[in-house]
PDB file of all heavy atoms in Angstrom:
ATOM      1  N   LYS A   1       0.801  -5.782  -7.198  1.00  0.00           N
ATOM      2  CA  LYS A   1       0.122  -5.406  -8.453  1.00  0.00           C
ATOM      3  C   LYS A   1       0.620  -4.004  -8.894  1.00  0.00           C
ATOM      4  O   LYS A   1       0.901  -3.790 -10.074  1.00  0.00           O
ATOM      5  CB  LYS A   1      -1.386  -5.354  -8.248  1.00  0.00           C
ATOM      6  CG  LYS A   1      -2.187  -4.967  -9.400  1.00  0.00           C
ATOM      7  CD  LYS A   1      -2.918  -6.137  -9.947  1.00  0.00           C
ATOM      8  CE  LYS A   1      -3.862  -5.704 -11.025  1.00  0.00           C
ATOM      9  NZ  LYS A   1      -3.851  -6.584 -12.136  1.00  0.00           N
ATOM     10  N   ILE A   2       0.724  -3.039  -7.966  1.00  0.00           N
ATOM     11  CA  ILE A   2       1.198  -1.731  -8.315  1.00  0.00           C
ATOM     12  C   ILE A   2       2.671  -1.722  -8.624  1.00  0.00           C
ATOM     13  O   ILE A   2       3.148  -0.991  -9.495  1.00  0.00           O
ATOM     14  CB  ILE A   2       0.840  -0.726  -7.136  1.00  0.00           C
ATOM     15  CG1 ILE A   2      -0.656  -0.529  -7.094  1.00  0.00           C
ATOM     16  CG2 ILE A   2       1.544   0.600  -7.346  1.00  0.00           C
ATOM     17  CD1 ILE A   2      -1.128   0.300  -5.930  1.00  0.00           C
ATOM     18  N   TYR A   3       3.444  -2.528  -7.882  1.00  0.00           N
ATOM     19  CA  TYR A   3       4.887  -2.588  -8.020  1.00  0.00           C
ATOM     20  C   TYR A   3       5.283  -2.893  -9.477  1.00  0.00           C
ATOM     21  O   TYR A   3       6.225  -2.287 -10.015  1.00  0.00           O
ATOM     22  CB  TYR A   3       5.451  -3.665  -7.074  1.00  0.00           C
ATOM     23  CG  TYR A   3       6.956  -3.886  -7.181  1.00  0.00           C
ATOM     24  CD1 TYR A   3       7.828  -3.005  -6.556  1.00  0.00           C
ATOM     25  CD2 TYR A   3       7.450  -4.971  -7.922  1.00  0.00           C
ATOM     26  CE1 TYR A   3       9.178  -3.211  -6.651  1.00  0.00           C
ATOM     27  CE2 TYR A   3       8.844  -5.162  -7.974  1.00  0.00           C
ATOM     28  CZ  TYR A   3       9.695  -4.307  -7.350  1.00  0.00           C
ATOM     29  OH  TYR A   3      11.027  -4.468  -7.433  1.00  0.00           O
ATOM     30  N   SER A   4       4.565  -3.812 -10.119  1.00  0.00           N
ATOM     31  CA  SER A   4       4.903  -4.174 -11.493  1.00  0.00           C
ATOM     32  C   SER A   4       4.600  -3.064 -12.476  1.00  0.00           C
ATOM     33  O   SER A   4       5.148  -3.053 -13.588  1.00  0.00           O
ATOM     34  CB  SER A   4       4.161  -5.431 -11.891  1.00  0.00           C
ATOM     35  OG  SER A   4       2.759  -5.222 -11.881  1.00  0.00           O
ATOM     36  N   LYS A   5       3.790  -2.078 -12.104  1.00  0.00           N
ATOM     37  CA  LYS A   5       3.417  -1.012 -13.009  1.00  0.00           C
ATOM     38  C   LYS A   5       4.252   0.283 -12.833  1.00  0.00           C
ATOM     39  O   LYS A   5       4.184   1.166 -13.671  1.00  0.00           O
ATOM     40  CB  LYS A   5       1.943  -0.649 -12.833  1.00  0.00           C
ATOM     41  CG  LYS A   5       1.060  -1.794 -13.228  1.00  0.00           C
ATOM     42  CD  LYS A   5      -0.398  -1.405 -13.035  1.00  0.00           C
ATOM     43  CE  LYS A   5      -1.239  -2.590 -13.443  1.00  0.00           C
ATOM     44  NZ  LYS A   5      -2.674  -2.305 -13.318  1.00  0.00           N
ATOM     45  N   ILE A   6       5.076   0.313 -11.792  1.00  0.00           N
ATOM     46  CA  ILE A   6       5.898   1.468 -11.600  1.00  0.00           C
ATOM     47  C   ILE A   6       7.138   1.384 -12.479  1.00  0.00           C
ATOM     48  O   ILE A   6       7.895   0.399 -12.415  1.00  0.00           O
ATOM     49  CB  ILE A   6       6.300   1.574 -10.118  1.00  0.00           C
ATOM     50  CG1 ILE A   6       5.110   1.690  -9.200  1.00  0.00           C
ATOM     51  CG2 ILE A   6       7.215   2.813  -9.869  1.00  0.00           C
ATOM     52  CD1 ILE A   6       5.407   1.592  -7.701  1.00  0.00           C
ATOM     53  N   GLU A   7       7.327   2.439 -13.254  1.00  0.00           N
ATOM     54  CA  GLU A   7       8.433   2.380 -14.213  1.00  0.00           C
ATOM     55  C   GLU A   7       9.755   2.900 -13.650  1.00  0.00           C
ATOM     56  O   GLU A   7      10.821   2.464 -14.001  1.00  0.00           O
ATOM     57  CB  GLU A   7       8.051   3.194 -15.463  1.00  0.00           C
ATOM     58  CG  GLU A   7       6.886   2.599 -16.217  1.00  0.00           C
ATOM     59  CD  GLU A   7       6.491   3.447 -17.423  1.00  0.00           C
ATOM     60  OE1 GLU A   7       7.139   4.437 -17.747  1.00  0.00           O
ATOM     61  OE2 GLU A   7       5.477   3.068 -18.040  1.00  0.00           O
ATOM     62  N   GLU A   8       9.670   3.887 -12.733  1.00  0.00           N
ATOM     63  CA  GLU A   8      10.888   4.499 -12.218  1.00  0.00           C
ATOM     64  C   GLU A   8      11.114   4.002 -10.775  1.00  0.00           C
ATOM     65  O   GLU A   8      10.220   4.037  -9.922  1.00  0.00           O
ATOM     66  CB  GLU A   8      10.813   6.002 -12.261  1.00  0.00           C
ATOM     67  CG  GLU A   8      10.689   6.535 -13.668  1.00  0.00           C
ATOM     68  CD  GLU A   8      10.736   8.041 -13.747  1.00  0.00           C
ATOM     69  OE1 GLU A   8      11.390   8.641 -12.868  1.00  0.00           O
ATOM     70  OE2 GLU A   8      10.097   8.598 -14.615  1.00  0.00           O
ATOM     71  N   GLU A   9      12.331   3.562 -10.534  1.00  0.00           N
ATOM     72  CA  GLU A   9      12.680   2.985  -9.227  1.00  0.00           C
ATOM     73  C   GLU A   9      12.539   3.949  -8.064  1.00  0.00           C
ATOM     74  O   GLU A   9      12.320   3.566  -6.945  1.00  0.00           O
ATOM     75  CB  GLU A   9      14.100   2.454  -9.317  1.00  0.00           C
ATOM     76  CG  GLU A   9      14.539   1.627  -8.179  1.00  0.00           C
ATOM     77  CD  GLU A   9      15.890   1.043  -8.373  1.00  0.00           C
ATOM     78  OE1 GLU A   9      16.258   0.662  -9.513  1.00  0.00           O
ATOM     79  OE2 GLU A   9      16.670   0.998  -7.397  1.00  0.00           O
ATOM     80  N   GLU A  10      12.647   5.255  -8.355  1.00  0.00           N
ATOM     81  CA  GLU A  10      12.603   6.253  -7.278  1.00  0.00           C
ATOM     82  C   GLU A  10      11.213   6.295  -6.601  1.00  0.00           C
ATOM     83  O   GLU A  10      11.097   6.787  -5.493  1.00  0.00           O
ATOM     84  CB  GLU A  10      12.902   7.654  -7.831  1.00  0.00           C
ATOM     85  CG  GLU A  10      14.222   7.823  -8.390  1.00  0.00           C
ATOM     86  CD  GLU A  10      14.356   7.395  -9.832  1.00  0.00           C
ATOM     87  OE1 GLU A  10      13.383   7.398 -10.573  1.00  0.00           O
ATOM     88  OE2 GLU A  10      15.495   7.023 -10.273  1.00  0.00           O
ATOM     89  N   TYR A  11      10.180   5.786  -7.260  1.00  0.00           N
ATOM     90  CA  TYR A  11       8.835   5.891  -6.736  1.00  0.00           C
ATOM     91  C   TYR A  11       8.411   4.657  -5.955  1.00  0.00           C
ATOM     92  O   TYR A  11       7.321   4.647  -5.404  1.00  0.00           O
ATOM     93  CB  TYR A  11       7.820   6.155  -7.864  1.00  0.00           C
ATOM     94  CG  TYR A  11       8.037   7.495  -8.505  1.00  0.00           C
ATOM     95  CD1 TYR A  11       8.459   7.582  -9.845  1.00  0.00           C
ATOM     96  CD2 TYR A  11       7.886   8.706  -7.814  1.00  0.00           C
ATOM     97  CE1 TYR A  11       8.660   8.809 -10.446  1.00  0.00           C
ATOM     98  CE2 TYR A  11       8.104   9.901  -8.376  1.00  0.00           C
ATOM     99  CZ  TYR A  11       8.477   9.959  -9.697  1.00  0.00           C
ATOM    100  OH  TYR A  11       8.681  11.184 -10.257  1.00  0.00           O
ATOM    101  N   TYR A  12       9.254   3.610  -5.842  1.00  0.00           N
ATOM    102  CA  TYR A  12       8.861   2.409  -5.127  1.00  0.00           C
ATOM    103  C   TYR A  12       8.507   2.714  -3.654  1.00  0.00           C
ATOM    104  O   TYR A  12       7.481   2.302  -3.148  1.00  0.00           O
ATOM    105  CB  TYR A  12      10.003   1.379  -5.158  1.00  0.00           C
ATOM    106  CG  TYR A  12      10.195   0.735  -6.503  1.00  0.00           C
ATOM    107  CD1 TYR A  12      11.429   0.137  -6.804  1.00  0.00           C
ATOM    108  CD2 TYR A  12       9.217   0.689  -7.467  1.00  0.00           C
ATOM    109  CE1 TYR A  12      11.615  -0.491  -8.013  1.00  0.00           C
ATOM    110  CE2 TYR A  12       9.402   0.103  -8.695  1.00  0.00           C
ATOM    111  CZ  TYR A  12      10.649  -0.485  -8.985  1.00  0.00           C
ATOM    112  OH  TYR A  12      10.812  -1.102 -10.190  1.00  0.00           O
ATOM    113  N   ALA A  13       9.399   3.436  -2.989  1.00  0.00           N
ATOM    114  CA  ALA A  13       9.238   3.716  -1.582  1.00  0.00           C
ATOM    115  C   ALA A  13       7.988   4.574  -1.365  1.00  0.00           C
ATOM    116  O   ALA A  13       7.235   4.367  -0.391  1.00  0.00           O
ATOM    117  CB  ALA A  13      10.428   4.397  -0.993  1.00  0.00           C
ATOM    118  N   THR A  14       7.707   5.504  -2.246  1.00  0.00           N
ATOM    119  CA  THR A  14       6.561   6.400  -2.103  1.00  0.00           C
ATOM    120  C   THR A  14       5.268   5.589  -2.196  1.00  0.00           C
ATOM    121  O   THR A  14       4.383   5.763  -1.358  1.00  0.00           O
ATOM    122  CB  THR A  14       6.595   7.490  -3.233  1.00  0.00           C
ATOM    123  OG1 THR A  14       7.803   8.234  -3.077  1.00  0.00           O
ATOM    124  CG2 THR A  14       5.391   8.414  -3.043  1.00  0.00           C
ATOM    125  N   PHE A  15       5.183   4.742  -3.185  1.00  0.00           N
ATOM    126  CA  PHE A  15       3.944   3.924  -3.351  1.00  0.00           C
ATOM    127  C   PHE A  15       3.810   2.912  -2.207  1.00  0.00           C
ATOM    128  O   PHE A  15       2.684   2.655  -1.758  1.00  0.00           O
ATOM    129  CB  PHE A  15       3.936   3.239  -4.702  1.00  0.00           C
ATOM    130  CG  PHE A  15       3.499   4.171  -5.811  1.00  0.00           C
ATOM    131  CD1 PHE A  15       4.435   4.755  -6.647  1.00  0.00           C
ATOM    132  CD2 PHE A  15       2.161   4.396  -6.036  1.00  0.00           C
ATOM    133  CE1 PHE A  15       4.041   5.639  -7.650  1.00  0.00           C
ATOM    134  CE2 PHE A  15       1.755   5.232  -7.038  1.00  0.00           C
ATOM    135  CZ  PHE A  15       2.706   5.836  -7.862  1.00  0.00           C
ATOM    136  N   LYS A  16       4.893   2.373  -1.749  1.00  0.00           N
ATOM    137  CA  LYS A  16       4.814   1.402  -0.685  1.00  0.00           C
ATOM    138  C   LYS A  16       4.357   2.121   0.602  1.00  0.00           C
ATOM    139  O   LYS A  16       3.560   1.594   1.357  1.00  0.00           O
ATOM    140  CB  LYS A  16       6.220   0.775  -0.449  1.00  0.00           C
ATOM    141  CG  LYS A  16       6.165  -0.438   0.404  1.00  0.00           C
ATOM    142  CD  LYS A  16       7.484  -1.150   0.390  1.00  0.00           C
ATOM    143  CE  LYS A  16       7.421  -2.489   1.066  1.00  0.00           C
ATOM    144  NZ  LYS A  16       8.669  -3.247   0.997  1.00  0.00           N
ATOM    145  N   PHE A  17       4.827   3.358   0.826  1.00  0.00           N
ATOM    146  CA  PHE A  17       4.396   4.102   1.953  1.00  0.00           C
ATOM    147  C   PHE A  17       2.882   4.427   1.886  1.00  0.00           C
ATOM    148  O   PHE A  17       2.166   4.304   2.890  1.00  0.00           O
ATOM    149  CB  PHE A  17       5.228   5.392   2.064  1.00  0.00           C
ATOM    150  CG  PHE A  17       4.760   6.308   3.171  1.00  0.00           C
ATOM    151  CD1 PHE A  17       5.075   6.037   4.460  1.00  0.00           C
ATOM    152  CD2 PHE A  17       4.010   7.434   2.904  1.00  0.00           C
ATOM    153  CE1 PHE A  17       4.686   6.852   5.520  1.00  0.00           C
ATOM    154  CE2 PHE A  17       3.619   8.259   3.923  1.00  0.00           C
ATOM    155  CZ  PHE A  17       3.947   7.973   5.243  1.00  0.00           C
ATOM    156  N   VAL A  18       2.485   4.837   0.707  1.00  0.00           N
ATOM    157  CA  VAL A  18       1.026   5.169   0.538  1.00  0.00           C
ATOM    158  C   VAL A  18       0.139   3.941   0.813  1.00  0.00           C
ATOM    159  O   VAL A  18      -0.900   4.070   1.484  1.00  0.00           O
ATOM    160  CB  VAL A  18       0.775   5.740  -0.868  1.00  0.00           C
ATOM    161  CG1 VAL A  18      -0.699   5.829  -1.193  1.00  0.00           C
ATOM    162  CG2 VAL A  18       1.390   7.098  -1.008  1.00  0.00           C
ATOM    163  N   ILE A  19       0.495   2.817   0.328  1.00  0.00           N
ATOM    164  CA  ILE A  19      -0.254   1.598   0.561  1.00  0.00           C
ATOM    165  C   ILE A  19      -0.216   1.206   2.034  1.00  0.00           C
ATOM    166  O   ILE A  19      -1.216   0.853   2.652  1.00  0.00           O
ATOM    167  CB  ILE A  19       0.277   0.451  -0.301  1.00  0.00           C
ATOM    168  CG1 ILE A  19      -0.116   0.722  -1.754  1.00  0.00           C
ATOM    169  CG2 ILE A  19      -0.330  -0.880   0.153  1.00  0.00           C
ATOM    170  CD1 ILE A  19       0.490  -0.234  -2.723  1.00  0.00           C
ATOM    171  N   GLY A  20       0.959   1.374   2.638  1.00  0.00           N
ATOM    172  CA  GLY A  20       1.094   1.085   4.072  1.00  0.00           C
ATOM    173  C   GLY A  20       0.301   1.995   4.951  1.00  0.00           C
ATOM    174  O   GLY A  20      -0.210   1.583   6.016  1.00  0.00           O
ATOM    175  N   ILE A  21       0.160   3.247   4.562  1.00  0.00           N
ATOM    176  CA  ILE A  21      -0.537   4.201   5.385  1.00  0.00           C
ATOM    177  C   ILE A  21      -2.071   4.198   5.153  1.00  0.00           C
ATOM    178  O   ILE A  21      -2.814   4.680   6.000  1.00  0.00           O
ATOM    179  CB  ILE A  21       0.076   5.619   5.184  1.00  0.00           C
ATOM    180  CG1 ILE A  21      -0.196   6.551   6.400  1.00  0.00           C
ATOM    181  CG2 ILE A  21      -0.468   6.292   3.974  1.00  0.00           C
ATOM    182  CD1 ILE A  21       0.739   6.330   7.522  1.00  0.00           C
ATOM    183  N   THR A  22      -2.503   3.612   4.051  1.00  0.00           N
ATOM    184  CA  THR A  22      -3.957   3.578   3.758  1.00  0.00           C
ATOM    185  C   THR A  22      -4.511   2.159   3.774  1.00  0.00           C
ATOM    186  O   THR A  22      -5.458   1.900   4.533  1.00  0.00           O
ATOM    187  CB  THR A  22      -4.240   4.217   2.406  1.00  0.00           C
ATOM    188  OG1 THR A  22      -3.495   3.559   1.385  1.00  0.00           O
ATOM    189  CG2 THR A  22      -3.915   5.668   2.352  1.00  0.00           C
ATOM    190  N   ALA A  23      -3.999   1.274   2.994  1.00  0.00           N
ATOM    191  CA  ALA A  23      -4.616  -0.041   2.838  1.00  0.00           C
ATOM    192  C   ALA A  23      -4.444  -0.922   4.091  1.00  0.00           C
ATOM    193  O   ALA A  23      -5.402  -1.625   4.476  1.00  0.00           O
ATOM    194  CB  ALA A  23      -4.009  -0.763   1.642  1.00  0.00           C
ATOM    195  N   VAL A  24      -3.314  -0.869   4.730  1.00  0.00           N
ATOM    196  CA  VAL A  24      -3.062  -1.735   5.895  1.00  0.00           C
ATOM    197  C   VAL A  24      -3.981  -1.367   7.052  1.00  0.00           C
ATOM    198  O   VAL A  24      -4.645  -2.225   7.637  1.00  0.00           O
ATOM    199  CB  VAL A  24      -1.585  -1.744   6.296  1.00  0.00           C
ATOM    200  CG1 VAL A  24      -1.370  -2.425   7.611  1.00  0.00           C
ATOM    201  CG2 VAL A  24      -0.749  -2.323   5.191  1.00  0.00           C
ATOM    202  N   PRO A  25      -4.113  -0.088   7.461  1.00  0.00           N
ATOM    203  CA  PRO A  25      -5.066   0.225   8.530  1.00  0.00           C
ATOM    204  C   PRO A  25      -6.513  -0.098   8.182  1.00  0.00           C
ATOM    205  O   PRO A  25      -7.244  -0.617   9.044  1.00  0.00           O
ATOM    206  CB  PRO A  25      -4.888   1.717   8.775  1.00  0.00           C
ATOM    207  CG  PRO A  25      -3.532   2.056   8.235  1.00  0.00           C
ATOM    208  CD  PRO A  25      -3.315   1.084   7.114  1.00  0.00           C
ATOM    209  N   ILE A  26      -6.924   0.160   6.974  1.00  0.00           N
ATOM    210  CA  ILE A  26      -8.276  -0.182   6.561  1.00  0.00           C
ATOM    211  C   ILE A  26      -8.521  -1.707   6.627  1.00  0.00           C
ATOM    212  O   ILE A  26      -9.524  -2.160   7.131  1.00  0.00           O
ATOM    213  CB  ILE A  26      -8.567   0.361   5.147  1.00  0.00           C
ATOM    214  CG1 ILE A  26      -8.657   1.898   5.171  1.00  0.00           C
ATOM    215  CG2 ILE A  26      -9.883  -0.220   4.601  1.00  0.00           C
ATOM    216  CD1 ILE A  26      -8.678   2.520   3.814  1.00  0.00           C
ATOM    217  N   PHE A  27      -7.566  -2.468   6.164  1.00  0.00           N
ATOM    218  CA  PHE A  27      -7.639  -3.901   6.152  1.00  0.00           C
ATOM    219  C   PHE A  27      -7.650  -4.425   7.622  1.00  0.00           C
ATOM    220  O   PHE A  27      -8.454  -5.323   7.950  1.00  0.00           O
ATOM    221  CB  PHE A  27      -6.521  -4.523   5.352  1.00  0.00           C
ATOM    222  CG  PHE A  27      -6.629  -5.996   5.238  1.00  0.00           C
ATOM    223  CD1 PHE A  27      -7.651  -6.582   4.478  1.00  0.00           C
ATOM    224  CD2 PHE A  27      -5.694  -6.833   5.855  1.00  0.00           C
ATOM    225  CE1 PHE A  27      -7.717  -7.955   4.392  1.00  0.00           C
ATOM    226  CE2 PHE A  27      -5.774  -8.202   5.724  1.00  0.00           C
ATOM    227  CZ  PHE A  27      -6.794  -8.742   4.997  1.00  0.00           C
ATOM    228  N   TYR A  28      -6.826  -3.879   8.496  1.00  0.00           N
ATOM    229  CA  TYR A  28      -6.809  -4.322   9.864  1.00  0.00           C
ATOM    230  C   TYR A  28      -8.097  -3.991  10.566  1.00  0.00           C
ATOM    231  O   TYR A  28      -8.600  -4.793  11.367  1.00  0.00           O
ATOM    232  CB  TYR A  28      -5.619  -3.647  10.633  1.00  0.00           C
ATOM    233  CG  TYR A  28      -4.309  -4.376  10.448  1.00  0.00           C
ATOM    234  CD1 TYR A  28      -4.139  -5.452   9.538  1.00  0.00           C
ATOM    235  CD2 TYR A  28      -3.196  -3.981  11.163  1.00  0.00           C
ATOM    236  CE1 TYR A  28      -2.947  -6.077   9.370  1.00  0.00           C
ATOM    237  CE2 TYR A  28      -1.974  -4.599  10.987  1.00  0.00           C
ATOM    238  CZ  TYR A  28      -1.882  -5.632  10.119  1.00  0.00           C
ATOM    239  OH  TYR A  28      -0.673  -6.297   9.964  1.00  0.00           O
ATOM    240  N   LEU A  29      -8.631  -2.812  10.330  1.00  0.00           N
ATOM    241  CA  LEU A  29      -9.934  -2.473  10.908  1.00  0.00           C
ATOM    242  C   LEU A  29     -11.055  -3.366  10.399  1.00  0.00           C
ATOM    243  O   LEU A  29     -11.931  -3.773  11.203  1.00  0.00           O
ATOM    244  CB  LEU A  29     -10.258  -1.000  10.683  1.00  0.00           C
ATOM    245  CG  LEU A  29      -9.438   0.003  11.504  1.00  0.00           C
ATOM    246  CD1 LEU A  29      -9.790   1.428  11.097  1.00  0.00           C
ATOM    247  CD2 LEU A  29      -9.690  -0.177  12.976  1.00  0.00           C
ATOM    248  N   LEU A  30     -11.054  -3.669   9.137  1.00  0.00           N
ATOM    249  CA  LEU A  30     -12.038  -4.580   8.610  1.00  0.00           C
ATOM    250  C   LEU A  30     -11.912  -5.975   9.232  1.00  0.00           C
ATOM    251  O   LEU A  30     -12.907  -6.585   9.655  1.00  0.00           O
ATOM    252  CB  LEU A  30     -11.871  -4.695   7.058  1.00  0.00           C
ATOM    253  CG  LEU A  30     -12.843  -5.574   6.340  1.00  0.00           C
ATOM    254  CD1 LEU A  30     -14.274  -5.028   6.489  1.00  0.00           C
ATOM    255  CD2 LEU A  30     -12.482  -5.713   4.862  1.00  0.00           C
ATOM    256  N   GLN A  31     -10.693  -6.453   9.382  1.00  0.00           N
ATOM    257  CA  GLN A  31     -10.502  -7.742  10.052  1.00  0.00           C
ATOM    258  C   GLN A  31     -10.983  -7.696  11.499  1.00  0.00           C
ATOM    259  O   GLN A  31     -11.581  -8.645  11.966  1.00  0.00           O
ATOM    260  CB  GLN A  31      -9.044  -8.132  10.056  1.00  0.00           C
ATOM    261  CG  GLN A  31      -8.505  -8.623   8.764  1.00  0.00           C
ATOM    262  CD  GLN A  31      -7.008  -8.964   8.824  1.00  0.00           C
ATOM    263  OE1 GLN A  31      -6.238  -8.291   9.516  1.00  0.00           O
ATOM    264  NE2 GLN A  31      -6.593  -9.938   8.056  1.00  0.00           N
ATOM    265  N   THR A  32     -10.699  -6.601  12.172  1.00  0.00           N
ATOM    266  CA  THR A  32     -11.126  -6.423  13.538  1.00  0.00           C
ATOM    267  C   THR A  32     -12.651  -6.448  13.689  1.00  0.00           C
ATOM    268  O   THR A  32     -13.174  -7.112  14.604  1.00  0.00           O
ATOM    269  CB  THR A  32     -10.552  -5.141  14.170  1.00  0.00           C
ATOM    270  OG1 THR A  32      -9.113  -5.151  14.048  1.00  0.00           O
ATOM    271  CG2 THR A  32     -10.956  -4.918  15.577  1.00  0.00           C
ATOM    272  N   PHE A  33     -13.307  -5.774  12.801  1.00  0.00           N
ATOM    273  CA  PHE A  33     -14.761  -5.746  12.825  1.00  0.00           C
ATOM    274  C   PHE A  33     -15.358  -7.138  12.592  1.00  0.00           C
ATOM    275  O   PHE A  33     -16.301  -7.582  13.230  1.00  0.00           O
ATOM    276  CB  PHE A  33     -15.391  -4.779  11.835  1.00  0.00           C
ATOM    277  CG  PHE A  33     -15.213  -3.355  12.250  1.00  0.00           C
ATOM    278  CD1 PHE A  33     -14.801  -2.405  11.329  1.00  0.00           C
ATOM    279  CD2 PHE A  33     -15.438  -2.926  13.557  1.00  0.00           C
ATOM    280  CE1 PHE A  33     -14.592  -1.084  11.694  1.00  0.00           C
ATOM    281  CE2 PHE A  33     -15.233  -1.601  13.938  1.00  0.00           C
ATOM    282  CZ  PHE A  33     -14.843  -0.696  12.983  1.00  0.00           C
ATOM    283  N   ILE A  34     -14.769  -7.872  11.635  1.00  0.00           N
ATOM    284  CA  ILE A  34     -15.223  -9.230  11.369  1.00  0.00           C
ATOM    285  C   ILE A  34     -15.020 -10.164  12.560  1.00  0.00           C
ATOM    286  O   ILE A  34     -15.913 -10.939  12.953  1.00  0.00           O
ATOM    287  CB  ILE A  34     -14.511  -9.786  10.106  1.00  0.00           C
ATOM    288  CG1 ILE A  34     -15.014  -9.030   8.851  1.00  0.00           C
ATOM    289  CG2 ILE A  34     -14.772 -11.282   9.945  1.00  0.00           C
ATOM    290  CD1 ILE A  34     -14.244  -9.299   7.614  1.00  0.00           C
TER     291      ILE A  34
END
């Protein structure tokens, strides 16, 4: 969803890193609790 909104190619890796460092651990912990 975010990838389609990024206009400059230089920011792809930055946003992917931010999602990987925040959303993935939160999602894994939520799955673990469930």
